[in-house]
Each structure stands twice: as C-alpha cells, then as structure tokens.
PDB file of N, CA and C in Angstrom:
ATOM      1  N   MET A   1       0.851  -1.182   0.000  1.00  0.00           N
ATOM      2  CA  MET A   1       0.000   0.000   0.000  1.00  0.00           C
ATOM      3  C   MET A   1       0.898   1.248   0.000  1.00  0.00           C
ATOM      4  N   PRO A   2       0.769   2.124  -0.987  1.00  0.00           N
ATOM      5  CA  PRO A   2       1.606   3.327  -1.036  1.00  0.00           C
ATOM      6  C   PRO A   2       1.273   4.303   0.085  1.00  0.00           C
ATOM      7  N   ILE A   3       2.263   5.049   0.491  1.00  0.00           N
ATOM      8  CA  ILE A   3       2.079   6.059   1.542  1.00  0.00           C
ATOM      9  C   ILE A   3       1.482   7.310   0.917  1.00  0.00           C
ATOM     10  N   LYS A   4       0.412   7.794   1.516  1.00  0.00           N
ATOM     11  CA  LYS A   4      -0.191   9.048   1.065  1.00  0.00           C
ATOM     12  C   LYS A   4       0.429  10.188   1.850  1.00  0.00           C
ATOM     13  N   ARG A   5       0.776  11.211   1.161  1.00  0.00           N
ATOM     14  CA  ARG A   5       1.350  12.386   1.818  1.00  0.00           C
ATOM     15  C   ARG A   5       0.430  13.565   1.603  1.00  0.00           C
ATOM     16  N   ARG A   6       0.215  14.298   2.673  1.00  0.00           N
ATOM     17  CA  ARG A   6      -0.606  15.496   2.591  1.00  0.00           C
ATOM     18  C   ARG A   6       0.191  16.673   3.110  1.00  0.00           C
ATOM     19  N   PHE A   7       0.025  17.783   2.466  1.00  0.00           N
ATOM     20  CA  PHE A   7       0.696  18.999   2.885  1.00  0.00           C
ATOM     21  C   PHE A   7      -0.337  20.094   3.066  1.00  0.00           C
ATOM     22  N   ASN A   8      -0.198  20.830   4.099  1.00  0.00           N
ATOM     23  CA  ASN A   8      -1.059  21.979   4.349  1.00  0.00           C
ATOM     24  C   ASN A   8      -0.192  23.209   4.472  1.00  0.00           C
ATOM     25  N   THR A   9      -0.709  24.293   4.033  1.00  0.00           N
ATOM     26  CA  THR A   9      -0.015  25.558   4.250  1.00  0.00           C
ATOM     27  C   THR A   9      -0.871  26.403   5.178  1.00  0.00           C
ATOM     28  N   SER A  10      -0.229  27.217   5.929  1.00  0.00           N
ATOM     29  CA  SER A  10      -0.961  28.124   6.815  1.00  0.00           C
ATOM     30  C   SER A  10      -0.210  29.442   6.878  1.00  0.00           C
ATOM     31  N   LYS A  11      -0.957  30.461   7.174  1.00  0.00           N
ATOM     32  CA  LYS A  11      -0.366  31.780   7.306  1.00  0.00           C
ATOM     33  C   LYS A  11      -0.107  32.060   8.780  1.00  0.00           C
ATOM     34  N   VAL A  12       1.052  32.565   9.073  1.00  0.00           N
ATOM     35  CA  VAL A  12       1.406  32.942  10.440  1.00  0.00           C
ATOM     36  C   VAL A  12       1.463  34.462  10.477  1.00  0.00           C
ATOM     37  N   ARG A  13       0.827  35.022  11.462  1.00  0.00           N
ATOM     38  CA  ARG A  13       0.797  36.469  11.577  1.00  0.00           C
ATOM     39  C   ARG A  13       1.210  36.855  12.989  1.00  0.00           C
ATOM     40  N   TYR A  14       2.211  37.673  13.078  1.00  0.00           N
ATOM     41  CA  TYR A  14       2.645  38.151  14.380  1.00  0.00           C
ATOM     42  C   TYR A  14       1.750  39.318  14.775  1.00  0.00           C
ATOM     43  N   THR A  15       1.357  39.332  16.016  1.00  0.00           N
ATOM     44  CA  THR A  15       0.447  40.358  16.519  1.00  0.00           C
ATOM     45  C   THR A  15       1.108  41.093  17.665  1.00  0.00           C
ATOM     46  N   HIS A  16       1.041  42.383  17.624  1.00  0.00           N
ATOM     47  CA  HIS A  16       1.611  43.206  18.691  1.00  0.00           C
ATOM     48  C   HIS A  16       0.734  43.072  19.940  1.00  0.00           C
ATOM     49  N   PRO A  17       1.338  43.041  21.128  1.00  0.00           N
ATOM     50  CA  PRO A  17       0.554  42.907  22.358  1.00  0.00           C
ATOM     51  C   PRO A  17      -0.576  43.938  22.495  1.00  0.00           C
ATOM     52  N   SER A  18      -0.352  45.161  22.037  1.00  0.00           N
ATOM     53  CA  SER A  18      -1.423  46.159  22.165  1.00  0.00           C
ATOM     54  C   SER A  18      -2.616  45.791  21.285  1.00  0.00           C
ATOM     55  N   GLU A  19      -2.376  45.130  20.151  1.00  0.00           N
ATOM     56  CA  GLU A  19      -3.474  44.686  19.293  1.00  0.00           C
ATOM     57  C   GLU A  19      -4.261  43.566  19.966  1.00  0.00           C
ATOM     58  N   ILE A  20      -3.553  42.642  20.593  1.00  0.00           N
ATOM     59  CA  ILE A  20      -4.218  41.559  21.335  1.00  0.00           C
ATOM     60  C   ILE A  20      -5.086  42.146  22.442  1.00  0.00           C
ATOM     61  N   GLU A  21      -4.535  43.106  23.175  1.00  0.00           N
ATOM     62  CA  GLU A  21      -5.283  43.710  24.283  1.00  0.00           C
ATOM     63  C   GLU A  21      -6.529  44.435  23.781  1.00  0.00           C
ATOM     64  N   LEU A  22      -6.436  45.098  22.645  1.00  0.00           N
ATOM     65  CA  LEU A  22      -7.610  45.753  22.073  1.00  0.00           C
ATOM     66  C   LEU A  22      -8.651  44.717  21.664  1.00  0.00           C
ATOM     67  N   LEU A  23      -8.230  43.639  21.020  1.00  0.00           N
ATOM     68  CA  LEU A  23      -9.164  42.590  20.628  1.00  0.00           C
ATOM     69  C   LEU A  23      -9.851  41.963  21.842  1.00  0.00           C
ATOM     70  N   LEU A  24      -9.087  41.747  22.910  1.00  0.00           N
ATOM     71  CA  LEU A  24      -9.681  41.221  24.138  1.00  0.00           C
ATOM     72  C   LEU A  24     -10.729  42.188  24.690  1.00  0.00           C
ATOM     73  N   LYS A  25     -10.401  43.463  24.719  1.00  0.00           N
ATOM     74  CA  LYS A  25     -11.340  44.478  25.225  1.00  0.00           C
ATOM     75  C   LYS A  25     -12.612  44.525  24.372  1.00  0.00           C
ATOM     76  N   LEU A  26     -12.446  44.498  23.062  1.00  0.00           N
ATOM     77  CA  LEU A  26     -13.595  44.577  22.155  1.00  0.00           C
ATOM     78  C   LEU A  26     -14.496  43.352  22.237  1.00  0.00           C
ATOM     79  N   THR A  27     -13.952  42.234  22.697  1.00  0.00           N
ATOM     80  CA  THR A  27     -14.750  41.009  22.812  1.00  0.00           C
ATOM     81  C   THR A  27     -15.185  40.735  24.247  1.00  0.00           C
ATOM     82  N   GLY A  28     -15.055  41.743  25.131  1.00  0.00           N
ATOM     83  CA  GLY A  28     -15.611  41.633  26.471  1.00  0.00           C
ATOM     84  C   GLY A  28     -14.713  41.028  27.524  1.00  0.00           C
ATOM     85  N   PHE A  29     -13.407  41.110  27.341  1.00  0.00           N
ATOM     86  CA  PHE A  29     -12.472  40.591  28.338  1.00  0.00           C
ATOM     87  C   PHE A  29     -11.673  41.727  28.952  1.00  0.00           C
ATOM     88  N   LYS A  30     -11.302  41.544  30.213  1.00  0.00           N
ATOM     89  CA  LYS A  30     -10.421  42.478  30.904  1.00  0.00           C
ATOM     90  C   LYS A  30      -9.096  41.768  31.162  1.00  0.00           C
ATOM     91  N   VAL A  31      -7.992  42.430  30.836  1.00  0.00           N
ATOM     92  CA  VAL A  31      -6.669  41.858  31.100  1.00  0.00           C
ATOM     93  C   VAL A  31      -6.349  42.043  32.584  1.00  0.00           C
ATOM     94  N   ILE A  32      -6.141  40.955  33.273  1.00  0.00           N
ATOM     95  CA  ILE A  32      -5.789  40.980  34.690  1.00  0.00           C
ATOM     96  C   ILE A  32      -4.275  41.076  34.851  1.00  0.00           C
ATOM     97  N   ASP A  33      -3.550  40.312  34.020  1.00  0.00           N
ATOM     98  CA  ASP A  33      -2.085  40.334  34.080  1.00  0.00           C
ATOM     99  C   ASP A  33      -1.522  39.852  32.754  1.00  0.00           C
ATOM    100  N   ARG A  34      -0.258  40.133  32.536  1.00  0.00           N
ATOM    101  CA  ARG A  34       0.432  39.749  31.306  1.00  0.00           C
ATOM    102  C   ARG A  34       1.806  39.228  31.707  1.00  0.00           C
ATOM    103  N   PHE A  35       2.186  38.067  31.134  1.00  0.00           N
ATOM    104  CA  PHE A  35       3.446  37.421  31.482  1.00  0.00           C
ATOM    105  C   PHE A  35       4.284  37.185  30.240  1.00  0.00           C
ATOM    106  N   GLY A  36       5.591  37.063  30.432  1.00  0.00           N
ATOM    107  CA  GLY A  36       6.512  36.815  29.338  1.00  0.00           C
ATOM    108  C   GLY A  36       6.794  35.347  29.101  1.00  0.00           C
ATOM    109  N   ASP A  37       6.262  34.456  29.965  1.00  0.00           N
ATOM    110  CA  ASP A  37       6.449  33.017  29.798  1.00  0.00           C
ATOM    111  C   ASP A  37       5.520  32.299  30.765  1.00  0.00           C
ATOM    112  N   SER A  38       5.454  30.982  30.627  1.00  0.00           N
ATOM    113  CA  SER A  38       4.544  30.215  31.481  1.00  0.00           C
ATOM    114  C   SER A  38       4.998  30.150  32.933  1.00  0.00           C
ATOM    115  N   ASP A  39       6.220  30.569  33.207  1.00  0.00           N
ATOM    116  CA  ASP A  39       6.683  30.608  34.598  1.00  0.00           C
ATOM    117  C   ASP A  39       6.349  31.948  35.261  1.00  0.00           C
ATOM    118  N   ARG A  40       5.528  32.748  34.584  1.00  0.00           N
ATOM    119  CA  ARG A  40       5.030  34.041  35.071  1.00  0.00           C
ATOM    120  C   ARG A  40       6.098  35.117  35.194  1.00  0.00           C
ATOM    121  N   ARG A  41       7.183  34.986  34.442  1.00  0.00           N
ATOM    122  CA  ARG A  41       8.171  36.066  34.453  1.00  0.00           C
ATOM    123  C   ARG A  41       7.552  37.287  33.781  1.00  0.00           C
ATOM    124  N   PRO A  42       7.977  38.471  34.167  1.00  0.00           N
ATOM    125  CA  PRO A  42       7.391  39.683  33.594  1.00  0.00           C
ATOM    126  C   PRO A  42       7.579  39.760  32.078  1.00  0.00           C
ATOM    127  N   PHE A  43       6.599  40.304  31.406  1.00  0.00           N
ATOM    128  CA  PHE A  43       6.694  40.513  29.969  1.00  0.00           C
ATOM    129  C   PHE A  43       7.551  41.745  29.720  1.00  0.00           C
ATOM    130  N   ASP A  44       8.527  41.627  28.814  1.00  0.00           N
ATOM    131  CA  ASP A  44       9.336  42.785  28.426  1.00  0.00           C
ATOM    132  C   ASP A  44       9.730  42.651  26.961  1.00  0.00           C
ATOM    133  N   SER A  45      10.530  43.541  26.469  1.00  0.00           N
ATOM    134  CA  SER A  45      10.882  43.555  25.053  1.00  0.00           C
ATOM    135  C   SER A  45      11.693  42.341  24.617  1.00  0.00           C
ATOM    136  N   LYS A  46      12.256  41.605  25.552  1.00  0.00           N
ATOM    137  CA  LYS A  46      13.047  40.414  25.224  1.00  0.00           C
ATOM    138  C   LYS A  46      12.230  39.120  25.320  1.00  0.00           C
ATOM    139  N   SER A  47      10.985  39.218  25.755  1.00  0.00           N
ATOM    140  CA  SER A  47      10.138  38.032  25.894  1.00  0.00           C
ATOM    141  C   SER A  47       9.804  37.447  24.530  1.00  0.00           C
ATOM    142  N   GLU A  48       9.884  36.121  24.439  1.00  0.00           N
ATOM    143  CA  GLU A  48       9.518  35.444  23.195  1.00  0.00           C
ATOM    144  C   GLU A  48       8.030  35.147  23.140  1.00  0.00           C
ATOM    145  N   TRP A  49       7.378  35.162  24.274  1.00  0.00           N
ATOM    146  CA  TRP A  49       5.963  34.834  24.382  1.00  0.00           C
ATOM    147  C   TRP A  49       5.253  35.926  25.156  1.00  0.00           C
ATOM    148  N   VAL A  50       3.956  35.964  25.003  1.00  0.00           N
ATOM    149  CA  VAL A  50       3.129  36.800  25.864  1.00  0.00           C
ATOM    150  C   VAL A  50       1.891  35.968  26.239  1.00  0.00           C
ATOM    151  N   LEU A  51       1.663  35.841  27.522  1.00  0.00           N
ATOM    152  CA  LEU A  51       0.499  35.116  28.028  1.00  0.00           C
ATOM    153  C   LEU A  51      -0.362  36.080  28.822  1.00  0.00           C
ATOM    154  N   TYR A  52      -1.666  35.990  28.623  1.00  0.00           N
ATOM    155  CA  TYR A  52      -2.592  36.893  29.293  1.00  0.00           C
ATOM    156  C   TYR A  52      -3.454  36.135  30.282  1.00  0.00           C
ATOM    157  N   LEU A  53      -3.644  36.738  31.426  1.00  0.00           N
ATOM    158  CA  LEU A  53      -4.632  36.275  32.381  1.00  0.00           C
ATOM    159  C   LEU A  53      -5.788  37.255  32.224  1.00  0.00           C
ATOM    160  N   THR A  54      -6.958  36.739  31.848  1.00  0.00           N
ATOM    161  CA  THR A  54      -8.094  37.614  31.559  1.00  0.00           C
ATOM    162  C   THR A  54      -9.320  37.211  32.349  1.00  0.00           C
ATOM    163  N   ARG A  55     -10.282  38.115  32.358  1.00  0.00           N
ATOM    164  CA  ARG A  55     -11.574  37.852  32.990  1.00  0.00           C
ATOM    165  C   ARG A  55     -12.649  38.322  32.024  1.00  0.00           C
ATOM    166  N   LYS A  56     -13.675  37.505  31.827  1.00  0.00           N
ATOM    167  CA  LYS A  56     -14.816  37.870  30.978  1.00  0.00           C
ATOM    168  C   LYS A  56     -15.682  38.856  31.752  1.00  0.00           C
ATOM    169  N   LEU A  57     -15.934  40.009  31.148  1.00  0.00           N
ATOM    170  CA  LEU A  57     -16.798  41.000  31.766  1.00  0.00           C
ATOM    171  C   LEU A  57     -18.252  40.643  31.505  1.00  0.00           C
ATOM    172  N   LYS A  58     -19.116  41.045  32.425  1.00  0.00           N
ATOM    173  CA  LYS A  58     -20.555  40.736  32.256  1.00  0.00           C
ATOM    174  C   LYS A  58     -21.256  41.801  31.470  1.00  0.00           C
TER     175      LYS A  58
END
C-alpha cells in the first residue's frame, strides 16, 4: 500500500501585544495580568511569548 502524503499551508501572523489587548477588550475581556512566559516572568521587550490572564466581563 503506497504512503499518502498530505501537505497543508498556513499563514502565520505576528500580533503586537497592544493589538491583542484591544481585541480582548472589544470582545468583552479584561486583562488581569500579562506574562513573558509560562513561569510568570514579567513581559518585556526580550520576551519570546506573551500570556494573558483575563476575565470575561458581564
């Protein structure tokens, strides 16, 4: 039986943290905190990641 190969392409888009925060606000979320990694280190210009702790507003 021959091996079937499938390829998918996807677009990757980098988003600035301020854009993420605006999108969260527009969709009813409040940013509680922002971290630079999963170990909760502070987010700064050298952070490779940004993680948000949010709360859904009523």
